[in-house]
Amino acid sequence: MKNKLGILLKNSLTNTYKLRSMTKKKLLLIIGLVAYVFVSIFAVLSNYFGNIYEKLSDINLSNYYLTIIFSLTSIFSLFFTIFSTKNALFENKDNDLLFSLPIKKETILLSRLSSILIYNFVLGLFMIIPGIHVYLTNSEISAQILIVIILLTLFSGVIPTIVASLFGYLIAFVTSKSNRKNMIELLSYVIFIGIYMLVVYNANAILELFVNNPDLLSTILKYVFFPIYLINLSITKHNLLYIVLYVLFNVFIIYLFIILLDKLYYKLIVKLKIEKTSSHFKMKNIDNNSTMMALIKKEIKRYFSSAIYVFNTAFGVIFLIIISIASFFYNSNEILSLIGNGLTLNSFMLVFYLILFVISLSTTTNSSISIERNNFWILRMLPVRTKEIFRAKKSVNLILLIPAILLSLILFTISGYIKINEMLFLAFISVIFSIVIANFGLICNLLFPKFDAPNDTVIVKQSTSSMMGIMFPLIFLIIYIVIINLLQFSQNLVLILTSILFIILLIVTNCILNIWGIKKYRKL
């Protein structure tokens, strides 16, 4: 079993991250992206965790610091994993092949669970390293504490992985009994986000409650969050026995999960592959659409057929609409306090930056070619021009963004955040930037296509093109905003310069896509 498990896990990681075909240029690019993200997160979290440590030290509760850090890490990992476990565990394209081989179902399940666990571990390091850095620079270190920190780091991803997997199983179980699978899955994600945002919004109040009532914190940890309670005991009582119990508890949870799910695993995968259709069939006239309209409908249908695709690209749009509605009840300073501390912007600049960031985070085109996967050859064989295919794929991005942005701008205008002339300027800039982002996403996907992904989650959340399509615009916006703030341009000058810059980017990306992009597409 161990040998087969190792082979399955190795192949899973190799195929997911394309390690065999990793070139030096691609490796350097990925390292650069990861380094940038890590440095940015490290700078922000070091300051945030430093404030937490100071507050705990002031009331002699610094022993709870590591407990809080690893708890926050678990919540962070859970947030980024919970949306992908359903696909990762149950909807891999190699299911038919693997289950036809002489391999135990529990081995297949364990290999997939292990790949999620590794992903969670790496993701958790982005929070653990800044947290431990603050602790090491402010506390006396002993060999026992170092052992505790190492074991906590190694096993930090187990609990969020199991919880996310259970959530994924629950969604898979419910959707297997319905013919509206994507709707149910998407609704589940929205409900989870709502609960998550509610907890984050009240995080300071919850932390203050626990700080003022340490006995209440200890009781809740003991009877509700037992693994965290063991972590706290190992630190406060300086006893390695508790950390050993914590490790054993995590191993037992994995074992229990495999045993309980083993008998249901294959049956659930089979049920998910069954497509239910209505028995009430009615003959309808076939619409006679233009070629362009048929392509757009095809792209929209493919987009909404994947809940993870929709959720990963539409979350920013939903957030923008919520903020625009909230502008009727909160002023700009109150909304800034919800988005992040330490920001000082007037209401216009808040709306301006918010829209730019939402556009850059809501790219559908950076996955629109890879998402075709085995059906890409059909698209290649269609008697249509490549430019029309590109236009259809960009249209999905524009249909997602532009109506929502225009609605938000109208709401911000009515609430008094911006004036009518500012709304018109922002609408113009938003449309131009949306097209630029759609162009850039297609360029990224043409540069790094991924047709052999085991499921949609890998394409949408873990592929090189999806990371590039989000990270590069974010880097560009951050640099641009820093320059604007340093040079202290007037508001009108910012709008003019931004318009000119985006028009130039539009021309450049259009030229790249229409010359290099067409040639690259034909070679795929």
Protein backbone atom coordinates (compact mmCIF):
# COMPACT_ATOMS: atom_id res chain seq x y z
CA MET A 1 0.00 0.00 0.00
CA LYS A 2 2.80 2.42 0.89
CA ASN A 3 4.47 1.95 -2.48
CA LYS A 4 1.21 2.46 -4.38
CA LEU A 5 0.34 5.46 -2.21
CA GLY A 6 3.72 7.04 -2.92
CA ILE A 7 3.35 6.50 -6.67
CA LEU A 8 -0.20 7.92 -6.72
CA LEU A 9 0.82 10.96 -4.67
CA LYS A 10 3.90 11.60 -6.79
CA ASN A 11 1.92 11.37 -10.02
CA SER A 12 -0.83 13.58 -8.61
CA LEU A 13 1.59 16.35 -7.61
CA THR A 14 3.57 16.01 -10.84
CA ASN A 15 0.48 16.25 -13.05
CA THR A 16 -1.19 18.97 -11.02
CA TYR A 17 1.80 21.30 -11.02
CA LYS A 18 3.37 20.07 -14.31
CA LEU A 19 6.72 19.37 -12.64
CA ARG A 20 8.01 17.27 -15.54
CA SER A 21 7.54 20.04 -18.08
CA MET A 22 8.78 22.81 -15.77
CA THR A 23 11.27 24.97 -17.67
CA LYS A 24 13.83 27.27 -16.03
CA LYS A 25 11.97 30.38 -17.20
CA LYS A 26 8.67 29.11 -15.82
CA LEU A 27 10.32 28.06 -12.57
CA LEU A 28 11.92 31.49 -12.13
CA LEU A 29 8.60 33.16 -12.89
CA ILE A 30 6.77 31.07 -10.30
CA ILE A 31 9.52 31.64 -7.71
CA GLY A 32 9.29 35.38 -8.38
CA LEU A 33 5.50 35.35 -7.92
CA VAL A 34 5.68 33.30 -4.71
CA ALA A 35 8.47 35.52 -3.34
CA TYR A 36 6.47 38.67 -4.05
CA VAL A 37 3.34 37.28 -2.41
CA PHE A 38 5.29 35.98 0.59
CA VAL A 39 7.15 39.26 1.19
CA SER A 40 3.91 41.25 0.92
CA ILE A 41 2.05 38.96 3.32
CA PHE A 42 5.03 38.80 5.69
CA ALA A 43 5.21 42.60 5.93
CA VAL A 44 1.50 42.96 6.64
CA LEU A 45 1.12 40.03 9.03
CA SER A 46 4.28 40.77 11.02
CA ASN A 47 2.80 44.13 11.95
CA TYR A 48 -0.62 42.61 12.68
CA PHE A 49 0.74 39.73 14.77
CA GLY A 50 3.07 42.14 16.56
CA ASN A 51 0.05 44.12 17.74
CA ILE A 52 -1.65 40.94 18.94
CA TYR A 53 1.45 39.92 20.89
CA GLU A 54 1.70 43.35 22.54
CA LYS A 55 -1.95 43.29 23.61
CA LEU A 56 -1.58 39.81 25.09
CA SER A 57 1.67 40.75 26.85
CA ASP A 58 0.03 43.79 28.44
CA ILE A 59 -2.44 41.52 30.25
CA ASN A 60 0.04 38.66 30.88
CA LEU A 61 -1.54 36.30 28.35
CA SER A 62 1.37 35.98 25.92
CA ASN A 63 1.24 32.20 26.45
CA TYR A 64 -1.90 32.22 24.32
CA TYR A 65 -0.09 33.87 21.38
CA LEU A 66 1.00 30.70 19.55
CA THR A 67 -2.42 29.17 20.15
CA ILE A 68 -4.06 32.15 18.44
CA ILE A 69 -1.54 32.12 15.55
CA PHE A 70 -2.09 28.46 14.73
CA SER A 71 -5.85 28.88 15.11
CA LEU A 72 -5.81 31.77 12.62
CA THR A 73 -3.64 29.67 10.31
CA SER A 74 -6.20 26.86 10.39
CA ILE A 75 -9.00 29.30 9.54
CA PHE A 76 -6.90 30.79 6.72
CA SER A 77 -6.10 27.35 5.26
CA LEU A 78 -9.71 26.24 5.59
CA PHE A 79 -10.91 29.29 3.65
CA PHE A 80 -8.63 28.61 0.69
CA THR A 81 -9.19 24.84 0.65
CA ILE A 82 -12.87 24.38 1.31
CA PHE A 83 -13.89 25.40 -2.22
CA SER A 84 -11.63 22.88 -3.93
CA THR A 85 -12.03 19.66 -1.92
CA LYS A 86 -15.16 18.47 -3.74
CA ASN A 87 -13.39 18.50 -7.10
CA ALA A 88 -10.06 17.29 -5.71
CA LEU A 89 -11.57 14.26 -3.93
CA PHE A 90 -14.50 13.25 -6.09
CA GLU A 91 -14.33 14.74 -9.59
CA ASN A 92 -10.90 13.96 -10.98
CA LYS A 93 -10.84 12.99 -14.65
CA ASP A 94 -8.68 9.93 -13.90
CA ASN A 95 -11.33 8.29 -11.68
CA ASP A 96 -12.27 5.68 -14.30
CA LEU A 97 -8.64 4.69 -14.80
CA LEU A 98 -7.66 4.49 -11.13
CA PHE A 99 -10.71 2.52 -10.00
CA SER A 100 -10.14 -0.01 -12.76
CA LEU A 101 -6.63 -0.74 -11.42
CA PRO A 102 -5.87 -3.20 -8.59
CA ILE A 103 -5.60 -0.41 -6.04
CA LYS A 104 -7.63 -0.18 -2.85
CA LYS A 105 -10.14 2.65 -2.69
CA GLU A 106 -8.70 3.81 0.61
CA THR A 107 -5.27 4.18 -1.04
CA ILE A 108 -6.73 6.41 -3.77
CA LEU A 109 -8.61 8.45 -1.17
CA LEU A 110 -5.53 8.79 1.04
CA SER A 111 -3.37 9.94 -1.89
CA ARG A 112 -5.86 12.67 -2.78
CA LEU A 113 -6.24 13.68 0.85
CA SER A 114 -2.45 13.85 1.15
CA SER A 115 -2.17 16.18 -1.86
CA ILE A 116 -4.68 18.54 -0.24
CA LEU A 117 -2.78 18.27 3.04
CA ILE A 118 0.51 19.24 1.35
CA TYR A 119 -1.19 22.18 -0.35
CA ASN A 120 -2.63 23.27 3.01
CA PHE A 121 0.75 22.94 4.70
CA VAL A 122 2.46 25.19 2.14
CA LEU A 123 -0.42 27.67 2.29
CA GLY A 124 -0.26 27.77 6.08
CA LEU A 125 3.43 28.68 6.04
CA PHE A 126 2.50 32.11 4.66
CA MET A 127 0.89 32.84 8.06
CA ILE A 128 2.96 30.64 10.35
CA ILE A 129 6.35 32.11 9.41
CA PRO A 130 5.41 35.76 10.20
CA GLY A 131 3.68 34.60 13.39
CA ILE A 132 6.67 32.58 14.59
CA HIS A 133 9.03 35.43 13.61
CA VAL A 134 7.16 37.78 15.96
CA TYR A 135 7.20 35.16 18.73
CA LEU A 136 10.92 34.40 18.40
CA THR A 137 11.86 38.09 18.47
CA ASN A 138 9.81 38.79 21.60
CA SER A 139 10.13 35.65 23.74
CA GLU A 140 12.71 33.48 25.40
CA ILE A 141 13.27 30.36 23.36
CA SER A 142 13.92 26.87 24.70
CA ALA A 143 14.50 23.54 23.00
CA GLN A 144 11.09 22.36 24.18
CA ILE A 145 9.32 25.36 22.63
CA LEU A 146 11.16 24.78 19.35
CA ILE A 147 10.00 21.15 19.29
CA VAL A 148 6.42 22.27 19.95
CA ILE A 149 6.60 24.88 17.14
CA ILE A 150 8.03 22.35 14.65
CA LEU A 151 5.35 19.74 15.41
CA LEU A 152 2.59 22.35 15.31
CA THR A 153 3.84 23.57 11.94
CA LEU A 154 4.03 20.06 10.48
CA PHE A 155 0.50 19.15 11.60
CA SER A 156 -1.13 22.58 11.24
CA GLY A 157 -2.90 21.61 8.01
CA VAL A 158 -4.56 18.38 9.22
CA ILE A 159 -7.64 19.83 10.93
CA PRO A 160 -8.54 22.33 8.15
CA THR A 161 -7.95 19.60 5.54
CA ILE A 162 -10.33 17.17 7.25
CA VAL A 163 -12.96 19.87 7.87
CA ALA A 164 -12.72 21.05 4.24
CA SER A 165 -12.93 17.45 3.03
CA LEU A 166 -16.03 16.82 5.12
CA PHE A 167 -17.54 19.98 3.66
CA GLY A 168 -16.61 18.76 0.19
CA TYR A 169 -18.19 15.38 0.90
CA LEU A 170 -21.37 17.05 2.15
CA ILE A 171 -21.65 19.17 -1.02
CA ALA A 172 -20.91 16.13 -3.20
CA PHE A 173 -23.53 14.08 -1.36
CA VAL A 174 -26.22 16.76 -1.72
CA THR A 175 -25.45 17.55 -5.36
CA SER A 176 -25.43 13.83 -6.26
CA LYS A 177 -29.14 13.74 -5.42
CA SER A 178 -30.10 16.79 -7.45
CA ASN A 179 -30.17 17.85 -11.08
CA ARG A 180 -29.15 21.40 -10.08
CA LYS A 181 -25.65 20.52 -8.96
CA ASN A 182 -23.92 23.80 -9.75
CA MET A 183 -26.65 25.92 -8.17
CA ILE A 184 -26.48 23.96 -4.90
CA GLU A 185 -22.68 24.00 -4.85
CA LEU A 186 -22.53 27.74 -5.52
CA LEU A 187 -25.16 28.44 -2.85
CA SER A 188 -23.14 26.39 -0.33
CA TYR A 189 -20.05 28.47 -1.06
CA VAL A 190 -21.99 31.72 -0.66
CA ILE A 191 -23.40 30.60 2.70
CA PHE A 192 -19.92 29.65 3.90
CA ILE A 193 -18.51 33.02 2.79
CA GLY A 194 -21.34 34.80 4.60
CA ILE A 195 -20.56 32.97 7.85
CA TYR A 196 -16.81 33.51 7.36
CA MET A 197 -17.23 37.26 6.77
CA LEU A 198 -19.48 37.52 9.82
CA VAL A 199 -16.78 35.93 11.98
CA VAL A 200 -14.06 38.16 10.48
CA TYR A 201 -16.20 41.27 10.99
CA ASN A 202 -16.63 40.43 14.68
CA ALA A 203 -13.08 39.13 15.15
CA ASN A 204 -11.91 42.09 17.24
CA ALA A 205 -14.97 41.88 19.50
CA ILE A 206 -14.48 38.12 19.93
CA LEU A 207 -10.77 38.58 20.70
CA GLU A 208 -11.56 41.31 23.23
CA LEU A 209 -14.16 39.08 24.89
CA PHE A 210 -11.63 36.25 25.31
CA VAL A 211 -8.91 38.61 26.51
CA ASN A 212 -11.21 39.96 29.23
CA ASN A 213 -12.44 36.44 30.13
CA PRO A 214 -9.50 33.99 29.98
CA ASP A 215 -11.48 31.35 31.89
CA LEU A 216 -14.19 31.45 29.21
CA LEU A 217 -11.53 31.02 26.53
CA SER A 218 -10.06 28.00 28.32
CA THR A 219 -13.50 26.39 28.72
CA ILE A 220 -14.44 26.88 25.05
CA LEU A 221 -11.10 25.51 23.89
CA LYS A 222 -11.43 22.45 26.11
CA TYR A 223 -14.95 21.43 25.13
CA VAL A 224 -15.29 22.81 21.57
CA PHE A 225 -11.79 23.04 20.09
CA PHE A 226 -9.97 20.21 21.82
CA PRO A 227 -6.89 20.13 19.50
CA ILE A 228 -6.30 23.85 20.15
CA TYR A 229 -6.74 23.16 23.87
CA LEU A 230 -3.91 20.60 23.66
CA ILE A 231 -1.72 23.16 21.89
CA ASN A 232 -2.36 25.67 24.64
CA LEU A 233 -1.59 23.17 27.40
CA SER A 234 1.70 22.14 25.75
CA ILE A 235 2.79 25.80 25.71
CA THR A 236 1.48 27.04 29.05
CA LYS A 237 2.43 23.96 31.08
CA HIS A 238 5.71 23.30 29.19
CA ASN A 239 4.80 19.63 28.88
CA LEU A 240 5.64 17.71 25.70
CA LEU A 241 3.05 15.05 26.55
CA TYR A 242 0.26 17.33 25.36
CA ILE A 243 1.89 18.00 21.99
CA VAL A 244 2.35 14.22 21.56
CA LEU A 245 -1.36 13.81 22.26
CA TYR A 246 -2.04 16.55 19.70
CA VAL A 247 -0.03 14.67 17.04
CA LEU A 248 -1.77 11.38 17.87
CA PHE A 249 -5.15 13.13 17.75
CA ASN A 250 -4.43 14.43 14.24
CA VAL A 251 -3.27 11.02 13.02
CA PHE A 252 -6.41 9.44 14.50
CA ILE A 253 -8.64 11.99 12.72
CA ILE A 254 -7.06 11.14 9.36
CA TYR A 255 -7.46 7.40 10.04
CA LEU A 256 -11.09 7.85 11.12
CA PHE A 257 -11.89 9.95 8.05
CA ILE A 258 -10.43 7.30 5.70
CA ILE A 259 -12.28 4.46 7.44
CA LEU A 260 -15.64 6.25 7.46
CA LEU A 261 -15.46 7.49 3.89
CA ASP A 262 -13.90 4.39 2.36
CA LYS A 263 -17.17 2.51 1.90
CA LEU A 264 -19.00 5.55 0.50
CA TYR A 265 -16.22 6.95 -1.68
CA TYR A 266 -16.70 5.00 -4.90
CA LYS A 267 -20.51 5.04 -4.70
CA LEU A 268 -20.54 8.82 -4.38
CA ILE A 269 -18.20 9.27 -7.35
CA VAL A 270 -20.49 7.10 -9.49
CA LYS A 271 -23.57 9.10 -8.42
CA LEU A 272 -21.86 12.38 -9.28
CA LYS A 273 -21.28 11.19 -12.84
CA ILE A 274 -24.97 10.47 -13.37
CA GLU A 275 -26.71 13.24 -15.30
CA LYS A 276 -30.39 13.62 -14.46
CA THR A 277 -32.77 14.94 -17.09
CA SER A 278 -36.39 15.96 -16.98
CA SER A 279 -38.95 13.48 -18.27
CA HIS A 280 -41.19 16.32 -19.46
CA PHE A 281 -39.70 16.80 -22.91
CA LYS A 282 -41.19 19.40 -25.23
CA MET A 283 -40.21 20.07 -28.80
CA LYS A 284 -39.09 23.67 -29.29
CA ASN A 285 -37.97 25.68 -32.25
CA ILE A 286 -34.19 25.83 -32.62
CA ASP A 287 -32.87 29.36 -32.41
CA ASN A 288 -31.05 30.56 -35.48
CA ASN A 289 -28.25 32.64 -33.95
CA SER A 290 -25.29 34.33 -35.53
CA THR A 291 -21.91 32.67 -35.22
CA MET A 292 -20.75 35.20 -32.64
CA MET A 293 -23.88 34.85 -30.52
CA ALA A 294 -23.62 31.04 -30.64
CA LEU A 295 -19.99 31.23 -29.43
CA ILE A 296 -20.90 33.61 -26.61
CA LYS A 297 -23.76 31.34 -25.48
CA LYS A 298 -21.42 28.37 -25.56
CA GLU A 299 -18.84 30.23 -23.43
CA ILE A 300 -21.47 31.39 -20.92
CA LYS A 301 -22.84 27.86 -20.62
CA ARG A 302 -19.35 26.47 -19.97
CA TYR A 303 -18.67 29.21 -17.43
CA PHE A 304 -21.81 28.50 -15.39
CA SER A 305 -21.31 24.73 -15.64
CA SER A 306 -18.44 24.97 -13.13
CA ALA A 307 -19.37 26.29 -9.68
CA ILE A 308 -15.73 26.76 -8.67
CA TYR A 309 -15.09 28.75 -11.86
CA VAL A 310 -18.04 31.05 -11.16
CA PHE A 311 -17.27 31.51 -7.49
CA ASN A 312 -13.56 32.16 -7.98
CA THR A 313 -14.19 34.90 -10.55
CA ALA A 314 -17.48 36.42 -9.33
CA PHE A 315 -16.67 36.87 -5.64
CA GLY A 316 -15.06 40.28 -6.19
CA VAL A 317 -18.07 41.47 -8.20
CA ILE A 318 -20.47 40.39 -5.44
CA PHE A 319 -18.27 42.10 -2.87
CA LEU A 320 -18.32 45.36 -4.91
CA ILE A 321 -22.12 45.34 -5.08
CA ILE A 322 -22.37 44.70 -1.33
CA ILE A 323 -20.00 47.61 -0.61
CA SER A 324 -21.98 49.92 -2.93
CA ILE A 325 -25.18 49.04 -1.06
CA ALA A 326 -23.39 49.54 2.26
CA SER A 327 -22.43 53.06 1.13
CA PHE A 328 -26.02 54.12 1.91
CA PHE A 329 -25.53 53.22 5.58
CA TYR A 330 -21.79 53.78 6.25
CA ASN A 331 -19.39 56.59 5.43
CA SER A 332 -16.09 55.97 3.61
CA ASN A 333 -14.04 55.77 6.84
CA GLU A 334 -16.32 53.06 8.25
CA ILE A 335 -16.12 51.05 5.01
CA LEU A 336 -12.33 51.45 5.02
CA SER A 337 -12.24 50.01 8.54
CA LEU A 338 -14.01 46.92 7.19
CA ILE A 339 -11.61 46.54 4.25
CA GLY A 340 -8.37 47.22 6.13
CA ASN A 341 -6.80 49.28 8.88
CA GLY A 342 -4.43 52.19 8.31
CA LEU A 343 -5.98 53.37 5.02
CA THR A 344 -6.78 57.05 4.56
CA LEU A 345 -8.73 57.76 1.37
CA ASN A 346 -11.54 60.07 0.41
CA SER A 347 -14.74 58.52 -0.88
CA PHE A 348 -13.87 59.00 -4.57
CA MET A 349 -10.43 57.39 -4.32
CA LEU A 350 -11.96 54.55 -2.31
CA VAL A 351 -14.43 53.81 -5.12
CA PHE A 352 -11.71 54.27 -7.77
CA TYR A 353 -9.23 51.84 -6.18
CA LEU A 354 -11.96 49.38 -5.20
CA ILE A 355 -13.23 49.06 -8.77
CA LEU A 356 -9.73 48.63 -10.21
CA PHE A 357 -8.90 45.86 -7.74
CA VAL A 358 -12.23 44.07 -8.32
CA ILE A 359 -11.64 44.12 -12.09
CA SER A 360 -8.13 42.70 -11.69
CA LEU A 361 -9.41 39.91 -9.40
CA SER A 362 -12.35 38.91 -11.60
CA THR A 363 -10.62 37.49 -14.66
CA THR A 364 -12.34 34.62 -16.45
CA THR A 365 -10.09 34.55 -19.51
CA ASN A 366 -6.96 33.34 -17.70
CA SER A 367 -8.65 29.92 -17.53
CA SER A 368 -11.04 30.06 -20.50
CA ILE A 369 -8.83 28.09 -22.91
CA SER A 370 -7.57 25.52 -20.39
CA ILE A 371 -11.12 24.91 -19.16
CA GLU A 372 -11.94 23.38 -22.57
CA ARG A 373 -9.61 20.48 -21.72
CA ASN A 374 -10.52 17.43 -23.85
CA ASN A 375 -13.02 19.47 -25.89
CA PHE A 376 -10.43 21.93 -27.12
CA TRP A 377 -9.99 20.05 -30.41
CA ILE A 378 -13.69 20.59 -31.12
CA LEU A 379 -13.22 24.32 -30.69
CA ARG A 380 -10.19 24.21 -32.98
CA MET A 381 -12.21 22.45 -35.71
CA LEU A 382 -15.02 25.02 -35.77
CA PRO A 383 -15.21 26.99 -39.05
CA VAL A 384 -14.79 30.36 -37.31
CA ARG A 385 -11.98 32.85 -37.13
CA THR A 386 -9.66 32.81 -34.12
CA LYS A 387 -10.48 36.46 -33.43
CA GLU A 388 -14.15 35.53 -32.98
CA ILE A 389 -13.23 32.82 -30.49
CA PHE A 390 -11.15 35.34 -28.55
CA ARG A 391 -13.99 37.87 -28.64
CA ALA A 392 -16.44 35.28 -27.32
CA LYS A 393 -14.16 34.35 -24.41
CA LYS A 394 -13.58 38.01 -23.56
CA SER A 395 -17.32 38.67 -23.73
CA VAL A 396 -17.93 36.43 -20.69
CA ASN A 397 -15.49 38.54 -18.68
CA LEU A 398 -17.16 41.77 -19.82
CA ILE A 399 -20.68 40.46 -19.18
CA LEU A 400 -19.60 39.53 -15.64
CA LEU A 401 -17.93 42.87 -14.87
CA ILE A 402 -19.47 45.78 -16.72
CA PRO A 403 -23.17 45.52 -15.63
CA ALA A 404 -22.12 45.04 -11.98
CA ILE A 405 -19.65 47.94 -12.12
CA LEU A 406 -22.18 50.29 -13.73
CA LEU A 407 -24.79 49.33 -11.12
CA SER A 408 -22.27 49.93 -8.31
CA LEU A 409 -21.26 53.31 -9.74
CA ILE A 410 -24.90 54.37 -9.90
CA LEU A 411 -25.40 53.32 -6.27
CA PHE A 412 -22.22 55.14 -5.18
CA THR A 413 -23.47 58.26 -7.00
CA ILE A 414 -26.90 58.12 -5.34
CA SER A 415 -25.30 57.61 -1.90
CA GLY A 416 -23.13 60.69 -2.45
CA TYR A 417 -19.74 58.96 -2.58
CA ILE A 418 -19.02 60.27 -6.09
CA LYS A 419 -20.43 62.94 -8.43
CA ILE A 420 -22.12 62.33 -11.78
CA ASN A 421 -19.12 63.51 -13.84
CA GLU A 422 -16.85 61.28 -11.74
CA MET A 423 -19.19 58.36 -12.34
CA LEU A 424 -18.96 58.84 -16.11
CA PHE A 425 -15.17 59.02 -15.97
CA LEU A 426 -14.97 55.90 -13.79
CA ALA A 427 -17.36 54.05 -16.09
CA PHE A 428 -15.14 54.82 -19.08
CA ILE A 429 -11.97 53.75 -17.23
CA SER A 430 -13.67 50.59 -15.93
CA VAL A 431 -14.74 49.46 -19.42
CA ILE A 432 -11.25 50.05 -20.86
CA PHE A 433 -9.52 48.31 -17.95
CA SER A 434 -11.95 45.37 -18.10
CA ILE A 435 -11.03 44.79 -21.76
CA VAL A 436 -7.31 45.10 -20.91
CA ILE A 437 -7.64 42.51 -18.14
CA ALA A 438 -9.61 40.18 -20.42
CA ASN A 439 -6.89 40.50 -23.09
CA PHE A 440 -4.13 39.90 -20.57
CA GLY A 441 -5.91 36.85 -19.15
CA LEU A 442 -6.12 35.30 -22.61
CA ILE A 443 -2.44 36.02 -23.25
CA CYS A 444 -1.53 34.28 -19.97
CA ASN A 445 -3.66 31.26 -20.81
CA LEU A 446 -2.19 31.02 -24.31
CA LEU A 447 1.28 31.22 -22.80
CA PHE A 448 0.61 28.56 -20.14
CA PRO A 449 -2.31 26.33 -21.23
CA LYS A 450 -3.24 23.36 -19.03
CA PHE A 451 -5.42 20.81 -20.81
CA ASP A 452 -4.43 17.81 -18.68
CA ALA A 453 -5.72 19.11 -15.33
CA PRO A 454 -7.59 16.46 -13.30
CA ASN A 455 -10.43 18.89 -12.48
CA ASP A 456 -11.59 22.49 -12.84
CA THR A 457 -10.16 23.51 -9.46
CA VAL A 458 -6.58 22.95 -10.63
CA ILE A 459 -7.19 25.11 -13.71
CA VAL A 460 -9.00 27.94 -11.95
CA LYS A 461 -7.05 28.14 -8.68
CA GLN A 462 -3.67 26.44 -9.09
CA SER A 463 -2.50 26.84 -12.70
CA THR A 464 0.30 29.20 -13.72
CA SER A 465 -1.96 31.18 -16.07
CA SER A 466 -4.56 31.79 -13.34
CA MET A 467 -1.88 33.02 -10.91
CA MET A 468 -0.29 35.25 -13.55
CA GLY A 469 -3.67 36.63 -14.62
CA ILE A 470 -4.31 37.81 -11.07
CA MET A 471 -0.88 38.56 -9.60
CA PHE A 472 0.56 40.68 -12.42
CA PRO A 473 -2.42 43.11 -12.53
CA LEU A 474 -2.32 43.33 -8.72
CA ILE A 475 1.41 44.10 -8.77
CA PHE A 476 0.82 46.69 -11.50
CA LEU A 477 -2.01 48.36 -9.53
CA ILE A 478 -0.07 48.43 -6.27
CA ILE A 479 2.96 50.04 -7.96
CA TYR A 480 0.72 52.50 -9.82
CA ILE A 481 -1.15 53.51 -6.65
CA VAL A 482 2.11 53.95 -4.72
CA ILE A 483 3.45 56.24 -7.47
CA ILE A 484 0.21 58.27 -7.49
CA ASN A 485 0.36 58.73 -3.71
CA LEU A 486 4.06 59.63 -3.68
CA LEU A 487 3.72 62.25 -6.43
CA GLN A 488 0.45 63.53 -4.92
CA PHE A 489 -1.36 64.03 -8.21
CA SER A 490 -4.67 65.86 -8.19
CA GLN A 491 -7.85 63.85 -8.67
CA ASN A 492 -8.47 65.15 -12.21
CA LEU A 493 -4.87 64.44 -13.24
CA VAL A 494 -5.14 60.90 -11.86
CA LEU A 495 -8.23 60.27 -14.00
CA ILE A 496 -6.58 61.67 -17.14
CA LEU A 497 -3.31 59.77 -16.65
CA THR A 498 -5.18 56.55 -15.83
CA SER A 499 -7.31 56.88 -18.97
CA ILE A 500 -4.24 57.45 -21.17
CA LEU A 501 -2.36 54.56 -19.55
CA PHE A 502 -5.25 52.12 -19.94
CA ILE A 503 -5.81 53.11 -23.58
CA ILE A 504 -2.12 52.43 -24.28
CA LEU A 505 -2.38 49.05 -22.51
CA LEU A 506 -5.52 48.27 -24.52
CA ILE A 507 -3.72 48.94 -27.81
CA VAL A 508 -0.66 46.91 -26.76
CA THR A 509 -2.62 43.88 -25.49
CA ASN A 510 -4.85 43.92 -28.59
CA CYS A 511 -1.79 43.90 -30.85
CA ILE A 512 -0.18 41.04 -28.89
CA LEU A 513 -3.39 39.01 -28.93
CA ASN A 514 -4.16 39.60 -32.62
CA ILE A 515 -0.63 38.85 -33.84
CA TRP A 516 1.19 36.55 -31.43
CA GLY A 517 -2.00 35.19 -29.82
CA ILE A 518 -3.50 33.91 -33.07
CA LYS A 519 -0.27 32.17 -34.04
CA LYS A 520 0.07 30.62 -30.58
CA TYR A 521 -3.57 29.45 -30.59
CA ARG A 522 -3.09 27.64 -33.90
CA LYS A 523 -0.08 25.79 -32.50
CA LEU A 524 -1.89 24.47 -29.41
